[in-house]
Full PDB file with SEQRES, HELIX, SHEET, SSBOND, CRYST1, ORIGX, SCALE, CONECT and MASTER records, all heavy atoms in Angstrom:
SEQRES   1 A   36  GLU ALA ALA CYS TRP ALA HIS TRP ARG ARG LYS LEU PHE          
SEQRES   2 A   36  ASP HIS ALA LYS SER GLY LYS ALA PRO ILE ALA VAL GLU          
SEQRES   3 A   36  ALA VAL ARG ARG MET ASP GLU ILE PHE ALA                      
HELIX    1 AA1 TRP A    5  ALA A   16  1                                  12    
HELIX    2 AA2 PRO A   22  PHE A   35  1                                  14    
CRYST1    1.000    1.000    1.000  90.00  90.00  90.00 P 1           1          
ORIGX1      1.000000  0.000000  0.000000        0.00000                         
ORIGX2      0.000000  1.000000  0.000000        0.00000                         
ORIGX3      0.000000  0.000000  1.000000        0.00000                         
SCALE1      1.000000  0.000000  0.000000        0.00000                         
SCALE2      0.000000  1.000000  0.000000        0.00000                         
SCALE3      0.000000  0.000000  1.000000        0.00000                         
ATOM      1  N   GLU A   1     108.535 148.251  81.281  1.00  0.00           N  
ATOM      2  CA  GLU A   1     107.741 148.022  82.496  1.00  0.00           C  
ATOM      3  C   GLU A   1     108.614 148.291  83.752  1.00  0.00           C  
ATOM      4  O   GLU A   1     109.835 147.907  83.801  1.00  0.00           O  
ATOM      5  CB  GLU A   1     107.303 146.532  82.556  1.00  0.00           C  
ATOM      6  CG  GLU A   1     106.674 146.270  83.871  1.00  0.00           C  
ATOM      7  CD  GLU A   1     106.299 144.721  83.992  1.00  0.00           C  
ATOM      8  OE1 GLU A   1     106.727 143.995  83.117  1.00  0.00           O  
ATOM      9  OE2 GLU A   1     105.551 144.427  84.941  1.00  0.00           O  
ATOM     10  N   ALA A   2     108.044 149.049  84.715  1.00  0.00           N  
ATOM     11  CA  ALA A   2     108.725 149.224  85.993  1.00  0.00           C  
ATOM     12  C   ALA A   2     107.846 148.759  87.063  1.00  0.00           C  
ATOM     13  O   ALA A   2     106.587 149.259  87.208  1.00  0.00           O  
ATOM     14  CB  ALA A   2     109.048 150.783  86.162  1.00  0.00           C  
ATOM     15  N   ALA A   3     108.291 147.691  87.889  1.00  0.00           N  
ATOM     16  CA  ALA A   3     107.513 147.184  88.911  1.00  0.00           C  
ATOM     17  C   ALA A   3     107.376 147.851  90.100  1.00  0.00           C  
ATOM     18  O   ALA A   3     108.183 148.874  90.376  1.00  0.00           O  
ATOM     19  CB  ALA A   3     108.020 145.775  89.118  1.00  0.00           C  
ATOM     20  N   CYS A   4     106.284 147.569  90.839  1.00  0.00           N  
ATOM     21  CA  CYS A   4     106.002 148.420  92.053  1.00  0.00           C  
ATOM     22  C   CYS A   4     106.420 147.642  93.303  1.00  0.00           C  
ATOM     23  O   CYS A   4     105.958 146.529  93.629  1.00  0.00           O  
ATOM     24  CB  CYS A   4     104.500 148.659  92.172  1.00  0.00           C  
ATOM     25  SG  CYS A   4     103.945 149.394  93.675  1.00  0.00           S  
ATOM     26  N   TRP A   5     107.515 148.221  93.991  1.00  0.00           N  
ATOM     27  CA  TRP A   5     107.935 147.564  95.232  1.00  0.00           C  
ATOM     28  C   TRP A   5     106.929 147.600  96.367  1.00  0.00           C  
ATOM     29  O   TRP A   5     106.943 146.691  97.164  1.00  0.00           O  
ATOM     30  CB  TRP A   5     109.331 148.408  95.643  1.00  0.00           C  
ATOM     31  CG  TRP A   5     110.415 147.915  94.825  1.00  0.00           C  
ATOM     32  CD1 TRP A   5     110.745 148.276  93.561  1.00  0.00           C  
ATOM     33  CD2 TRP A   5     111.425 147.072  95.296  1.00  0.00           C  
ATOM     34  NE1 TRP A   5     111.905 147.672  93.203  1.00  0.00           N  
ATOM     35  CE2 TRP A   5     112.452 146.932  94.294  1.00  0.00           C  
ATOM     36  CE3 TRP A   5     111.840 146.373  96.402  1.00  0.00           C  
ATOM     37  CZ2 TRP A   5     113.563 146.144  94.304  1.00  0.00           C  
ATOM     38  CZ3 TRP A   5     112.877 145.576  96.549  1.00  0.00           C  
ATOM     39  CH2 TRP A   5     113.842 145.535  95.523  1.00  0.00           C  
ATOM     40  N   ALA A   6     106.080 148.552  96.408  1.00  0.00           N  
ATOM     41  CA  ALA A   6     105.000 148.622  97.524  1.00  0.00           C  
ATOM     42  C   ALA A   6     104.103 147.434  97.305  1.00  0.00           C  
ATOM     43  O   ALA A   6     103.650 146.881  98.317  1.00  0.00           O  
ATOM     44  CB  ALA A   6     104.309 149.891  97.358  1.00  0.00           C  
ATOM     45  N   HIS A   7     103.825 146.980  96.111  1.00  0.00           N  
ATOM     46  CA  HIS A   7     102.949 145.960  95.850  1.00  0.00           C  
ATOM     47  C   HIS A   7     103.594 144.578  96.266  1.00  0.00           C  
ATOM     48  O   HIS A   7     102.890 143.748  96.942  1.00  0.00           O  
ATOM     49  CB  HIS A   7     102.617 145.781  94.339  1.00  0.00           C  
ATOM     50  CG  HIS A   7     101.525 144.914  93.980  1.00  0.00           C  
ATOM     51  ND1 HIS A   7     100.181 145.325  94.052  1.00  0.00           N  
ATOM     52  CD2 HIS A   7     101.525 143.626  93.424  1.00  0.00           C  
ATOM     53  CE1 HIS A   7      99.396 144.321  93.700  1.00  0.00           C  
ATOM     54  NE2 HIS A   7     100.167 143.285  93.343  1.00  0.00           N  
ATOM     55  N   TRP A   8     104.906 144.485  96.016  1.00  0.00           N  
ATOM     56  CA  TRP A   8     105.558 143.241  96.436  1.00  0.00           C  
ATOM     57  C   TRP A   8     105.686 143.280  97.980  1.00  0.00           C  
ATOM     58  O   TRP A   8     105.475 142.282  98.687  1.00  0.00           O  
ATOM     59  CB  TRP A   8     106.908 143.169  95.803  1.00  0.00           C  
ATOM     60  CG  TRP A   8     107.768 141.974  96.104  1.00  0.00           C  
ATOM     61  CD1 TRP A   8     107.280 140.809  96.502  1.00  0.00           C  
ATOM     62  CD2 TRP A   8     109.115 141.754  95.926  1.00  0.00           C  
ATOM     63  NE1 TRP A   8     108.280 139.885  96.597  1.00  0.00           N  
ATOM     64  CE2 TRP A   8     109.399 140.437  96.169  1.00  0.00           C  
ATOM     65  CE3 TRP A   8     110.171 142.543  95.454  1.00  0.00           C  
ATOM     66  CZ2 TRP A   8     110.699 139.965  96.243  1.00  0.00           C  
ATOM     67  CZ3 TRP A   8     111.411 142.108  95.307  1.00  0.00           C  
ATOM     68  CH2 TRP A   8     111.681 140.781  95.727  1.00  0.00           C  
ATOM     69  N   ARG A   9     106.102 144.364  98.525  1.00  0.00           N  
ATOM     70  CA  ARG A   9     106.118 144.509  99.976  1.00  0.00           C  
ATOM     71  C   ARG A   9     104.825 144.162 100.626  1.00  0.00           C  
ATOM     72  O   ARG A   9     104.865 143.462 101.789  1.00  0.00           O  
ATOM     73  CB  ARG A   9     106.647 145.871 100.236  1.00  0.00           C  
ATOM     74  CG  ARG A   9     106.919 146.076 101.889  1.00  0.00           C  
ATOM     75  CD  ARG A   9     107.127 147.559 102.163  1.00  0.00           C  
ATOM     76  NE  ARG A   9     107.370 147.691 103.609  1.00  0.00           N  
ATOM     77  CZ  ARG A   9     106.338 147.753 104.556  1.00  0.00           C  
ATOM     78  NH1 ARG A   9     105.068 147.662 104.063  1.00  0.00           N  
ATOM     79  NH2 ARG A   9     106.637 147.815 105.773  1.00  0.00           N  
ATOM     80  N   ARG A  10     103.841 144.497 100.075  1.00  0.00           N  
ATOM     81  CA  ARG A  10     102.427 144.315 100.749  1.00  0.00           C  
ATOM     82  C   ARG A  10     102.231 142.824 100.813  1.00  0.00           C  
ATOM     83  O   ARG A  10     101.643 142.442 101.809  1.00  0.00           O  
ATOM     84  CB  ARG A  10     101.350 145.017  99.833  1.00  0.00           C  
ATOM     85  CG  ARG A  10     100.023 145.127 100.542  1.00  0.00           C  
ATOM     86  CD  ARG A  10      99.046 146.033  99.737  1.00  0.00           C  
ATOM     87  NE  ARG A  10      99.602 147.321  99.495  1.00  0.00           N  
ATOM     88  CZ  ARG A  10      99.699 147.930  98.378  1.00  0.00           C  
ATOM     89  NH1 ARG A  10      99.447 147.329  97.242  1.00  0.00           N  
ATOM     90  NH2 ARG A  10     100.132 149.205  98.382  1.00  0.00           N  
ATOM     91  N   LYS A  11     102.596 142.103  99.858  1.00  0.00           N  
ATOM     92  CA  LYS A  11     102.369 140.636  99.971  1.00  0.00           C  
ATOM     93  C   LYS A  11     103.259 140.037 101.195  1.00  0.00           C  
ATOM     94  O   LYS A  11     102.706 139.101 101.838  1.00  0.00           O  
ATOM     95  CB  LYS A  11     102.932 139.986  98.540  1.00  0.00           C  
ATOM     96  CG  LYS A  11     101.973 140.275  97.397  1.00  0.00           C  
ATOM     97  CD  LYS A  11     102.573 139.683  96.098  1.00  0.00           C  
ATOM     98  CE  LYS A  11     101.655 140.016  94.913  1.00  0.00           C  
ATOM     99  NZ  LYS A  11     100.493 139.110  95.041  1.00  0.00           N  
ATOM    100  N   LEU A  12     104.503 140.567 101.199  1.00  0.00           N  
ATOM    101  CA  LEU A  12     105.322 139.988 102.391  1.00  0.00           C  
ATOM    102  C   LEU A  12     104.883 140.417 103.726  1.00  0.00           C  
ATOM    103  O   LEU A  12     104.943 139.761 104.638  1.00  0.00           O  
ATOM    104  CB  LEU A  12     106.753 140.304 101.939  1.00  0.00           C  
ATOM    105  CG  LEU A  12     107.437 139.697 100.680  1.00  0.00           C  
ATOM    106  CD1 LEU A  12     108.764 140.404 100.579  1.00  0.00           C  
ATOM    107  CD2 LEU A  12     107.500 138.220 100.864  1.00  0.00           C  
ATOM    108  N   PHE A  13     104.324 141.660 103.693  1.00  0.00           N  
ATOM    109  CA  PHE A  13     103.939 142.262 104.960  1.00  0.00           C  
ATOM    110  C   PHE A  13     102.647 141.406 105.417  1.00  0.00           C  
ATOM    111  O   PHE A  13     102.540 141.262 106.710  1.00  0.00           O  
ATOM    112  CB  PHE A  13     103.477 143.727 104.826  1.00  0.00           C  
ATOM    113  CG  PHE A  13     103.041 144.247 106.049  1.00  0.00           C  
ATOM    114  CD1 PHE A  13     103.979 144.806 106.938  1.00  0.00           C  
ATOM    115  CD2 PHE A  13     101.773 144.410 106.425  1.00  0.00           C  
ATOM    116  CE1 PHE A  13     103.517 145.401 108.213  1.00  0.00           C  
ATOM    117  CE2 PHE A  13     101.250 145.027 107.566  1.00  0.00           C  
ATOM    118  CZ  PHE A  13     102.143 145.490 108.500  1.00  0.00           C  
ATOM    119  N   ASP A  14     101.871 140.871 104.612  1.00  0.00           N  
ATOM    120  CA  ASP A  14     100.728 140.091 105.117  1.00  0.00           C  
ATOM    121  C   ASP A  14     101.163 138.843 105.840  1.00  0.00           C  
ATOM    122  O   ASP A  14     100.533 138.439 106.780  1.00  0.00           O  
ATOM    123  CB  ASP A  14      99.918 139.695 103.871  1.00  0.00           C  
ATOM    124  CG  ASP A  14      99.095 140.808 103.305  1.00  0.00           C  
ATOM    125  OD1 ASP A  14      98.902 141.857 104.002  1.00  0.00           O  
ATOM    126  OD2 ASP A  14      98.675 140.756 102.060  1.00  0.00           O  
ATOM    127  N   HIS A  15     102.388 138.329 105.445  1.00  0.00           N  
ATOM    128  CA  HIS A  15     102.931 137.319 106.192  1.00  0.00           C  
ATOM    129  C   HIS A  15     103.464 137.785 107.477  1.00  0.00           C  
ATOM    130  O   HIS A  15     103.512 137.072 108.482  1.00  0.00           O  
ATOM    131  CB  HIS A  15     103.958 136.482 105.341  1.00  0.00           C  
ATOM    132  CG  HIS A  15     103.346 135.904 104.088  1.00  0.00           C  
ATOM    133  ND1 HIS A  15     102.591 134.657 104.171  1.00  0.00           N  
ATOM    134  CD2 HIS A  15     103.416 136.227 102.783  1.00  0.00           C  
ATOM    135  CE1 HIS A  15     102.309 134.382 102.852  1.00  0.00           C  
ATOM    136  NE2 HIS A  15     102.690 135.261 102.140  1.00  0.00           N  
ATOM    137  N   ALA A  16     104.296 138.826 107.411  1.00  0.00           N  
ATOM    138  CA  ALA A  16     105.011 139.310 108.583  1.00  0.00           C  
ATOM    139  C   ALA A  16     104.106 139.711 109.701  1.00  0.00           C  
ATOM    140  O   ALA A  16     104.423 139.455 110.804  1.00  0.00           O  
ATOM    141  CB  ALA A  16     105.888 140.525 108.164  1.00  0.00           C  
ATOM    142  N   LYS A  17     102.859 140.298 109.424  1.00  0.00           N  
ATOM    143  CA  LYS A  17     101.994 140.822 110.549  1.00  0.00           C  
ATOM    144  C   LYS A  17     101.427 139.638 111.377  1.00  0.00           C  
ATOM    145  O   LYS A  17     101.004 139.844 112.517  1.00  0.00           O  
ATOM    146  CB  LYS A  17     100.902 141.614 110.022  1.00  0.00           C  
ATOM    147  CG  LYS A  17      99.865 140.922 109.162  1.00  0.00           C  
ATOM    148  CD  LYS A  17      98.912 141.977 108.673  1.00  0.00           C  
ATOM    149  CE  LYS A  17      97.841 141.409 107.809  1.00  0.00           C  
ATOM    150  NZ  LYS A  17      96.816 142.367 107.208  1.00  0.00           N  
ATOM    151  N   SER A  18     101.468 138.346 110.793  1.00  0.00           N  
ATOM    152  CA  SER A  18     100.943 137.289 111.681  1.00  0.00           C  
ATOM    153  C   SER A  18     101.941 136.927 112.745  1.00  0.00           C  
ATOM    154  O   SER A  18     101.575 136.262 113.621  1.00  0.00           O  
ATOM    155  CB  SER A  18     100.846 136.111 110.645  1.00  0.00           C  
ATOM    156  OG  SER A  18     102.081 135.562 110.197  1.00  0.00           O  
ATOM    157  N   GLY A  19     103.243 137.351 112.611  1.00  0.00           N  
ATOM    158  CA  GLY A  19     104.205 137.115 113.703  1.00  0.00           C  
ATOM    159  C   GLY A  19     104.767 135.698 113.617  1.00  0.00           C  
ATOM    160  O   GLY A  19     105.620 135.333 114.476  1.00  0.00           O  
ATOM    161  N   LYS A  20     104.407 134.892 112.589  1.00  0.00           N  
ATOM    162  CA  LYS A  20     104.892 133.519 112.487  1.00  0.00           C  
ATOM    163  C   LYS A  20     105.739 133.278 111.300  1.00  0.00           C  
ATOM    164  O   LYS A  20     105.880 132.114 110.842  1.00  0.00           O  
ATOM    165  CB  LYS A  20     103.683 132.631 112.384  1.00  0.00           C  
ATOM    166  CG  LYS A  20     102.699 132.644 113.576  1.00  0.00           C  
ATOM    167  CD  LYS A  20     101.559 131.762 113.592  1.00  0.00           C  
ATOM    168  CE  LYS A  20     100.646 131.884 114.657  1.00  0.00           C  
ATOM    169  NZ  LYS A  20      99.392 130.967 114.593  1.00  0.00           N  
ATOM    170  N   ALA A  21     106.228 134.452 110.681  1.00  0.00           N  
ATOM    171  CA  ALA A  21     107.018 134.263 109.462  1.00  0.00           C  
ATOM    172  C   ALA A  21     108.210 135.245 109.645  1.00  0.00           C  
ATOM    173  O   ALA A  21     108.308 136.329 109.029  1.00  0.00           O  
ATOM    174  CB  ALA A  21     106.201 134.690 108.259  1.00  0.00           C  
ATOM    175  N   PRO A  22     109.301 134.686 110.272  1.00  0.00           N  
ATOM    176  CA  PRO A  22     110.540 135.556 110.479  1.00  0.00           C  
ATOM    177  C   PRO A  22     111.182 136.012 109.200  1.00  0.00           C  
ATOM    178  O   PRO A  22     111.867 136.980 109.055  1.00  0.00           O  
ATOM    179  CB  PRO A  22     111.401 134.734 111.359  1.00  0.00           C  
ATOM    180  CG  PRO A  22     110.875 133.234 111.209  1.00  0.00           C  
ATOM    181  CD  PRO A  22     109.449 133.405 110.927  1.00  0.00           C  
ATOM    182  N   ILE A  23     111.078 135.049 108.111  1.00  0.00           N  
ATOM    183  CA  ILE A  23     111.665 135.465 106.786  1.00  0.00           C  
ATOM    184  C   ILE A  23     110.999 136.714 106.188  1.00  0.00           C  
ATOM    185  O   ILE A  23     111.619 137.633 105.824  1.00  0.00           O  
ATOM    186  CB  ILE A  23     111.547 134.327 105.939  1.00  0.00           C  
ATOM    187  CG1 ILE A  23     112.452 133.080 106.392  1.00  0.00           C  
ATOM    188  CG2 ILE A  23     111.996 134.759 104.530  1.00  0.00           C  
ATOM    189  CD1 ILE A  23     112.247 131.800 105.575  1.00  0.00           C  
ATOM    190  N   ALA A  24     109.707 136.687 106.368  1.00  0.00           N  
ATOM    191  CA  ALA A  24     108.900 137.978 105.775  1.00  0.00           C  
ATOM    192  C   ALA A  24     109.254 139.121 106.666  1.00  0.00           C  
ATOM    193  O   ALA A  24     109.263 140.251 106.058  1.00  0.00           O  
ATOM    194  CB  ALA A  24     107.430 137.518 105.808  1.00  0.00           C  
ATOM    195  N   VAL A  25     109.332 138.946 107.999  1.00  0.00           N  
ATOM    196  CA  VAL A  25     109.602 140.137 108.734  1.00  0.00           C  
ATOM    197  C   VAL A  25     111.023 140.722 108.341  1.00  0.00           C  
ATOM    198  O   VAL A  25     111.184 141.933 108.201  1.00  0.00           O  
ATOM    199  CB  VAL A  25     109.672 139.715 110.269  1.00  0.00           C  
ATOM    200  CG1 VAL A  25     110.203 140.781 111.112  1.00  0.00           C  
ATOM    201  CG2 VAL A  25     108.268 139.351 110.758  1.00  0.00           C  
ATOM    202  N   GLU A  26     111.995 139.945 108.202  1.00  0.00           N  
ATOM    203  CA  GLU A  26     113.281 140.384 107.765  1.00  0.00           C  
ATOM    204  C   GLU A  26     113.248 140.981 106.334  1.00  0.00           C  
ATOM    205  O   GLU A  26     113.949 141.985 106.122  1.00  0.00           O  
ATOM    206  CB  GLU A  26     114.341 139.299 107.859  1.00  0.00           C  
ATOM    207  CG  GLU A  26     115.735 139.566 107.339  1.00  0.00           C  
ATOM    208  CD  GLU A  26     116.361 140.581 108.127  1.00  0.00           C  
ATOM    209  OE1 GLU A  26     115.886 140.947 109.303  1.00  0.00           O  
ATOM    210  OE2 GLU A  26     117.397 141.200 107.701  1.00  0.00           O  
ATOM    211  N   ALA A  27     112.488 140.366 105.481  1.00  0.00           N  
ATOM    212  CA  ALA A  27     112.413 140.874 104.091  1.00  0.00           C  
ATOM    213  C   ALA A  27     111.793 142.320 104.118  1.00  0.00           C  
ATOM    214  O   ALA A  27     112.275 143.248 103.489  1.00  0.00           O  
ATOM    215  CB  ALA A  27     111.528 139.953 103.275  1.00  0.00           C  
ATOM    216  N   VAL A  28     110.757 142.544 104.934  1.00  0.00           N  
ATOM    217  CA  VAL A  28     110.182 143.750 104.995  1.00  0.00           C  
ATOM    218  C   VAL A  28     111.123 144.795 105.643  1.00  0.00           C  
ATOM    219  O   VAL A  28     111.114 145.902 105.190  1.00  0.00           O  
ATOM    220  CB  VAL A  28     108.800 143.688 105.785  1.00  0.00           C  
ATOM    221  CG1 VAL A  28     108.332 145.148 106.156  1.00  0.00           C  
ATOM    222  CG2 VAL A  28     107.766 142.899 105.155  1.00  0.00           C  
ATOM    223  N   ARG A  29     111.847 144.473 106.516  1.00  0.00           N  
ATOM    224  CA  ARG A  29     112.892 145.374 107.135  1.00  0.00           C  
ATOM    225  C   ARG A  29     113.806 145.755 106.191  1.00  0.00           C  
ATOM    226  O   ARG A  29     114.206 146.963 106.082  1.00  0.00           O  
ATOM    227  CB  ARG A  29     113.544 144.614 108.411  1.00  0.00           C  
ATOM    228  CG  ARG A  29     114.506 145.540 109.177  1.00  0.00           C  
ATOM    229  CD  ARG A  29     115.433 144.670 110.135  1.00  0.00           C  
ATOM    230  NE  ARG A  29     116.294 144.018 109.235  1.00  0.00           N  
ATOM    231  CZ  ARG A  29     117.506 144.494 108.760  1.00  0.00           C  
ATOM    232  NH1 ARG A  29     117.712 145.838 108.772  1.00  0.00           N  
ATOM    233  NH2 ARG A  29     118.341 143.816 108.099  1.00  0.00           N  
ATOM    234  N   ARG A  30     114.344 144.816 105.397  1.00  0.00           N  
ATOM    235  CA  ARG A  30     115.343 145.077 104.316  1.00  0.00           C  
ATOM    236  C   ARG A  30     114.707 146.068 103.285  1.00  0.00           C  
ATOM    237  O   ARG A  30     115.363 146.967 102.803  1.00  0.00           O  
ATOM    238  CB  ARG A  30     115.891 143.932 103.687  1.00  0.00           C  
ATOM    239  CG  ARG A  30     116.795 143.044 104.612  1.00  0.00           C  
ATOM    240  CD  ARG A  30     117.122 141.791 103.945  1.00  0.00           C  
ATOM    241  NE  ARG A  30     118.035 140.884 104.762  1.00  0.00           N  
ATOM    242  CZ  ARG A  30     119.377 140.699 104.463  1.00  0.00           C  
ATOM    243  NH1 ARG A  30     119.797 141.243 103.375  1.00  0.00           N  
ATOM    244  NH2 ARG A  30     120.008 139.958 105.253  1.00  0.00           N  
ATOM    245  N   MET A  31     113.518 145.834 102.949  1.00  0.00           N  
ATOM    246  CA  MET A  31     112.807 146.689 101.941  1.00  0.00           C  
ATOM    247  C   MET A  31     112.585 148.104 102.510  1.00  0.00           C  
ATOM    248  O   MET A  31     112.864 149.152 101.738  1.00  0.00           O  
ATOM    249  CB  MET A  31     111.469 146.140 101.518  1.00  0.00           C  
ATOM    250  CG  MET A  31     111.655 144.914 100.646  1.00  0.00           C  
ATOM    251  SD  MET A  31     109.904 144.372 100.046  1.00  0.00           S  
ATOM    252  CE  MET A  31     110.393 143.000  98.873  1.00  0.00           C  
ATOM    253  N   ASP A  32     112.365 148.207 103.717  1.00  0.00           N  
ATOM    254  CA  ASP A  32     112.115 149.531 104.453  1.00  0.00           C  
ATOM    255  C   ASP A  32     113.481 150.340 104.393  1.00  0.00           C  
ATOM    256  O   ASP A  32     113.412 151.607 104.284  1.00  0.00           O  
ATOM    257  CB  ASP A  32     111.703 149.311 105.745  1.00  0.00           C  
ATOM    258  CG  ASP A  32     110.195 148.922 105.986  1.00  0.00           C  
ATOM    259  OD1 ASP A  32     109.503 149.005 104.922  1.00  0.00           O  
ATOM    260  OD2 ASP A  32     109.779 148.619 107.087  1.00  0.00           O  
ATOM    261  N   GLU A  33     114.629 149.613 104.469  1.00  0.00           N  
ATOM    262  CA  GLU A  33     115.877 150.374 104.326  1.00  0.00           C  
ATOM    263  C   GLU A  33     115.996 150.969 102.967  1.00  0.00           C  
ATOM    264  O   GLU A  33     116.468 152.119 102.756  1.00  0.00           O  
ATOM    265  CB  GLU A  33     117.076 149.449 104.640  1.00  0.00           C  
ATOM    266  CG  GLU A  33     117.184 149.003 106.036  1.00  0.00           C  
ATOM    267  CD  GLU A  33     118.397 148.080 106.286  1.00  0.00           C  
ATOM    268  OE1 GLU A  33     118.960 147.640 105.268  1.00  0.00           O  
ATOM    269  OE2 GLU A  33     118.672 147.736 107.326  1.00  0.00           O  
ATOM    270  N   ILE A  34     115.570 150.248 101.963  1.00  0.00           N  
ATOM    271  CA  ILE A  34     115.556 150.825 100.584  1.00  0.00           C  
ATOM    272  C   ILE A  34     114.653 151.954 100.387  1.00  0.00           C  
ATOM    273  O   ILE A  34     115.157 152.984  99.805  1.00  0.00           O  
ATOM    274  CB  ILE A  34     115.157 149.521  99.640  1.00  0.00           C  
ATOM    275  CG1 ILE A  34     116.217 148.525  99.616  1.00  0.00           C  
ATOM    276  CG2 ILE A  34     115.129 150.167  98.119  1.00  0.00           C  
ATOM    277  CD1 ILE A  34     115.808 147.269  98.851  1.00  0.00           C  
ATOM    278  N   PHE A  35     113.450 151.895 101.029  1.00  0.00           N  
ATOM    279  CA  PHE A  35     112.562 152.967 100.932  1.00  0.00           C  
ATOM    280  C   PHE A  35     113.043 154.245 101.642  1.00  0.00           C  
ATOM    281  O   PHE A  35     112.911 155.295 101.199  1.00  0.00           O  
ATOM    282  CB  PHE A  35     111.261 152.557 101.530  1.00  0.00           C  
ATOM    283  CG  PHE A  35     110.344 151.722 100.580  1.00  0.00           C  
ATOM    284  CD1 PHE A  35     110.212 150.415 100.488  1.00  0.00           C  
ATOM    285  CD2 PHE A  35     109.511 152.467  99.667  1.00  0.00           C  
ATOM    286  CE1 PHE A  35     109.423 149.738  99.819  1.00  0.00           C  
ATOM    287  CE2 PHE A  35     108.732 151.759  98.807  1.00  0.00           C  
ATOM    288  CZ  PHE A  35     108.686 150.301  98.839  1.00  0.00           C  
ATOM    289  N   ALA A  36     113.764 153.983 102.758  1.00  0.00           N  
ATOM    290  CA  ALA A  36     114.361 155.184 103.519  1.00  0.00           C  
ATOM    291  C   ALA A  36     115.338 155.781 102.701  1.00  0.00           C  
ATOM    292  O   ALA A  36     115.448 157.099 102.648  1.00  0.00           O  
ATOM    293  CB  ALA A  36     114.950 154.509 104.805  1.00  0.00           C  
TER     294      ALA A  36                                                      
MASTER        0    0    0    2    0    0    0    6  293    1    0    3          
END                                                                             
């Protein structure tokens, strides 16, 4: 099995886009570095 990072990131992004979850925002930023 190889898991999907986009699927995990999507869960965290749902929290980040509310603007009230700085932990999720930072997690998404770190994941974007991996994707880059």
